[in-house]
Amino acid sequence: MSYNAKNFSVMAYANGFTLWNYSTEDDLTAVKGSGYFNEIAPFARKGDMILANTSVESTLAPAILSVVSVEDGAVSVSALAPAA
């Protein structure tokens, strides 16, 4: 699968920081992969965090992701906490 904007929303915003929520059937490896979140480039900033619930239809794998860069329409994320 791929990024689904319907499952991505703002949880909190303050002082240029956004906490996002995202839920998907995709596994955590895919969600952390190159280009997965490129669609959010106009809205995301370096340092934003994404609470991600991945693999929701199989073995749930939650993770806290950090936006590490947003450059030329490319968004890169990194996991701050491993999946449970």
C-alpha atoms as a PDB file:
ATOM      1  CA  MET A   1       0.000   0.000   0.000  1.00  0.00           C
ATOM      2  CA  SER A   2       1.033   3.617   0.246  1.00  0.00           C
ATOM      3  CA  TYR A   3       0.417   6.759   2.264  1.00  0.00           C
ATOM      4  CA  ASN A   4      -3.280   7.494   2.799  1.00  0.00           C
ATOM      5  CA  ALA A   5      -4.120  11.135   3.609  1.00  0.00           C
ATOM      6  CA  LYS A   6      -7.460  10.104   5.153  1.00  0.00           C
ATOM      7  CA  ASN A   7      -5.571   8.400   7.991  1.00  0.00           C
ATOM      8  CA  PHE A   8      -3.245  11.329   8.764  1.00  0.00           C
ATOM      9  CA  SER A   9      -4.305  14.110  11.130  1.00  0.00           C
ATOM     10  CA  VAL A  10      -3.027  16.803  13.472  1.00  0.00           C
ATOM     11  CA  MET A  11      -3.217  15.970  17.170  1.00  0.00           C
ATOM     12  CA  ALA A  12      -1.538  19.143  18.475  1.00  0.00           C
ATOM     13  CA  TYR A  13       0.220  22.232  17.162  1.00  0.00           C
ATOM     14  CA  ALA A  14       2.247  24.831  19.084  1.00  0.00           C
ATOM     15  CA  ASN A  15       5.197  27.116  18.366  1.00  0.00           C
ATOM     16  CA  GLY A  16       5.904  25.666  14.925  1.00  0.00           C
ATOM     17  CA  PHE A  17       5.769  22.043  16.125  1.00  0.00           C
ATOM     18  CA  THR A  18       3.090  19.578  15.013  1.00  0.00           C
ATOM     19  CA  LEU A  19       2.204  16.244  16.573  1.00  0.00           C
ATOM     20  CA  TRP A  20       0.582  14.058  13.925  1.00  0.00           C
ATOM     21  CA  ASN A  21      -1.375  10.799  14.108  1.00  0.00           C
ATOM     22  CA  TYR A  22      -1.247   8.192  11.358  1.00  0.00           C
ATOM     23  CA  SER A  23      -2.858   4.757  11.103  1.00  0.00           C
ATOM     24  CA  THR A  24      -2.205   2.271   8.302  1.00  0.00           C
ATOM     25  CA  GLU A  25      -2.260  -1.368   7.298  1.00  0.00           C
ATOM     26  CA  ASP A  26       1.292  -0.901   5.964  1.00  0.00           C
ATOM     27  CA  ASP A  27       4.090  -2.328   8.080  1.00  0.00           C
ATOM     28  CA  LEU A  28       6.523  -0.127   9.976  1.00  0.00           C
ATOM     29  CA  THR A  29       9.370  -0.782   7.534  1.00  0.00           C
ATOM     30  CA  ALA A  30       7.292   0.600   4.664  1.00  0.00           C
ATOM     31  CA  VAL A  31       6.168   3.650   6.665  1.00  0.00           C
ATOM     32  CA  LYS A  32       9.770   4.519   7.579  1.00  0.00           C
ATOM     33  CA  GLY A  33      10.854   3.977   3.975  1.00  0.00           C
ATOM     34  CA  SER A  34      12.140   6.594   1.588  1.00  0.00           C
ATOM     35  CA  GLY A  35       9.411   8.771   0.136  1.00  0.00           C
ATOM     36  CA  TYR A  36       6.485   7.307   2.093  1.00  0.00           C
ATOM     37  CA  PHE A  37       5.462  10.674   3.586  1.00  0.00           C
ATOM     38  CA  ASN A  38       6.449  12.926   0.655  1.00  0.00           C
ATOM     39  CA  GLU A  39       2.816  13.977   0.225  1.00  0.00           C
ATOM     40  CA  ILE A  40       2.956  15.841   3.570  1.00  0.00           C
ATOM     41  CA  ALA A  41       5.997  17.934   2.578  1.00  0.00           C
ATOM     42  CA  PRO A  42       3.990  21.191   2.311  1.00  0.00           C
ATOM     43  CA  PHE A  43       2.822  20.772   5.931  1.00  0.00           C
ATOM     44  CA  ALA A  44       5.627  18.979   7.786  1.00  0.00           C
ATOM     45  CA  ARG A  45       8.652  20.512   9.463  1.00  0.00           C
ATOM     46  CA  LYS A  46      11.886  19.039  10.728  1.00  0.00           C
ATOM     47  CA  GLY A  47      11.303  17.987  14.340  1.00  0.00           C
ATOM     48  CA  ASP A  48       7.595  17.214  13.952  1.00  0.00           C
ATOM     49  CA  MET A  49       6.536  13.895  15.463  1.00  0.00           C
ATOM     50  CA  ILE A  50       4.175  11.253  14.092  1.00  0.00           C
ATOM     51  CA  LEU A  51       2.407   8.754  16.335  1.00  0.00           C
ATOM     52  CA  ALA A  52       2.093   5.870  13.902  1.00  0.00           C
ATOM     53  CA  ASN A  53      -0.073   2.784  14.287  1.00  0.00           C
ATOM     54  CA  THR A  54       1.172   0.410  11.613  1.00  0.00           C
ATOM     55  CA  SER A  55       0.045  -3.072  10.556  1.00  0.00           C
ATOM     56  CA  VAL A  56      -3.360  -2.362  12.124  1.00  0.00           C
ATOM     57  CA  GLU A  57      -5.037  -5.311  10.380  1.00  0.00           C
ATOM     58  CA  SER A  58      -2.433  -7.849  11.490  1.00  0.00           C
ATOM     59  CA  THR A  59       0.121  -7.496  14.299  1.00  0.00           C
ATOM     60  CA  LEU A  60      -0.175  -3.897  15.482  1.00  0.00           C
ATOM     61  CA  ALA A  61       3.221  -2.163  15.500  1.00  0.00           C
ATOM     62  CA  PRO A  62       3.005   1.327  17.024  1.00  0.00           C
ATOM     63  CA  ALA A  63       5.946   3.711  16.763  1.00  0.00           C
ATOM     64  CA  ILE A  64       6.896   7.300  17.421  1.00  0.00           C
ATOM     65  CA  LEU A  65       8.459   8.815  14.312  1.00  0.00           C
ATOM     66  CA  SER A  66      10.379  12.057  14.001  1.00  0.00           C
ATOM     67  CA  VAL A  67      10.550  14.098  10.815  1.00  0.00           C
ATOM     68  CA  VAL A  68      14.312  14.382  10.280  1.00  0.00           C
ATOM     69  CA  SER A  69      14.231  16.377   7.050  1.00  0.00           C
ATOM     70  CA  VAL A  70      11.930  18.045   4.543  1.00  0.00           C
ATOM     71  CA  GLU A  71      13.855  19.026   1.421  1.00  0.00           C
ATOM     72  CA  ASP A  72      12.664  19.594  -2.141  1.00  0.00           C
ATOM     73  CA  GLY A  73       9.391  17.774  -1.483  1.00  0.00           C
ATOM     74  CA  ALA A  74      11.080  14.775   0.135  1.00  0.00           C
ATOM     75  CA  VAL A  75      10.178  13.894   3.733  1.00  0.00           C
ATOM     76  CA  SER A  76      12.440  11.597   5.780  1.00  0.00           C
ATOM     77  CA  VAL A  77      11.391  10.078   9.094  1.00  0.00           C
ATOM     78  CA  SER A  78      13.154   8.083  11.776  1.00  0.00           C
ATOM     79  CA  ALA A  79      11.751   5.933  14.580  1.00  0.00           C
ATOM     80  CA  LEU A  80      12.251   7.310  18.102  1.00  0.00           C
ATOM     81  CA  ALA A  81      10.755   4.279  19.793  1.00  0.00           C
ATOM     82  CA  PRO A  82      10.732   0.717  18.466  1.00  0.00           C
ATOM     83  CA  ALA A  83       7.501  -1.119  17.809  1.00  0.00           C
ATOM     84  CA  ALA A  84       6.194  -3.023  20.824  1.00  0.00           C
END
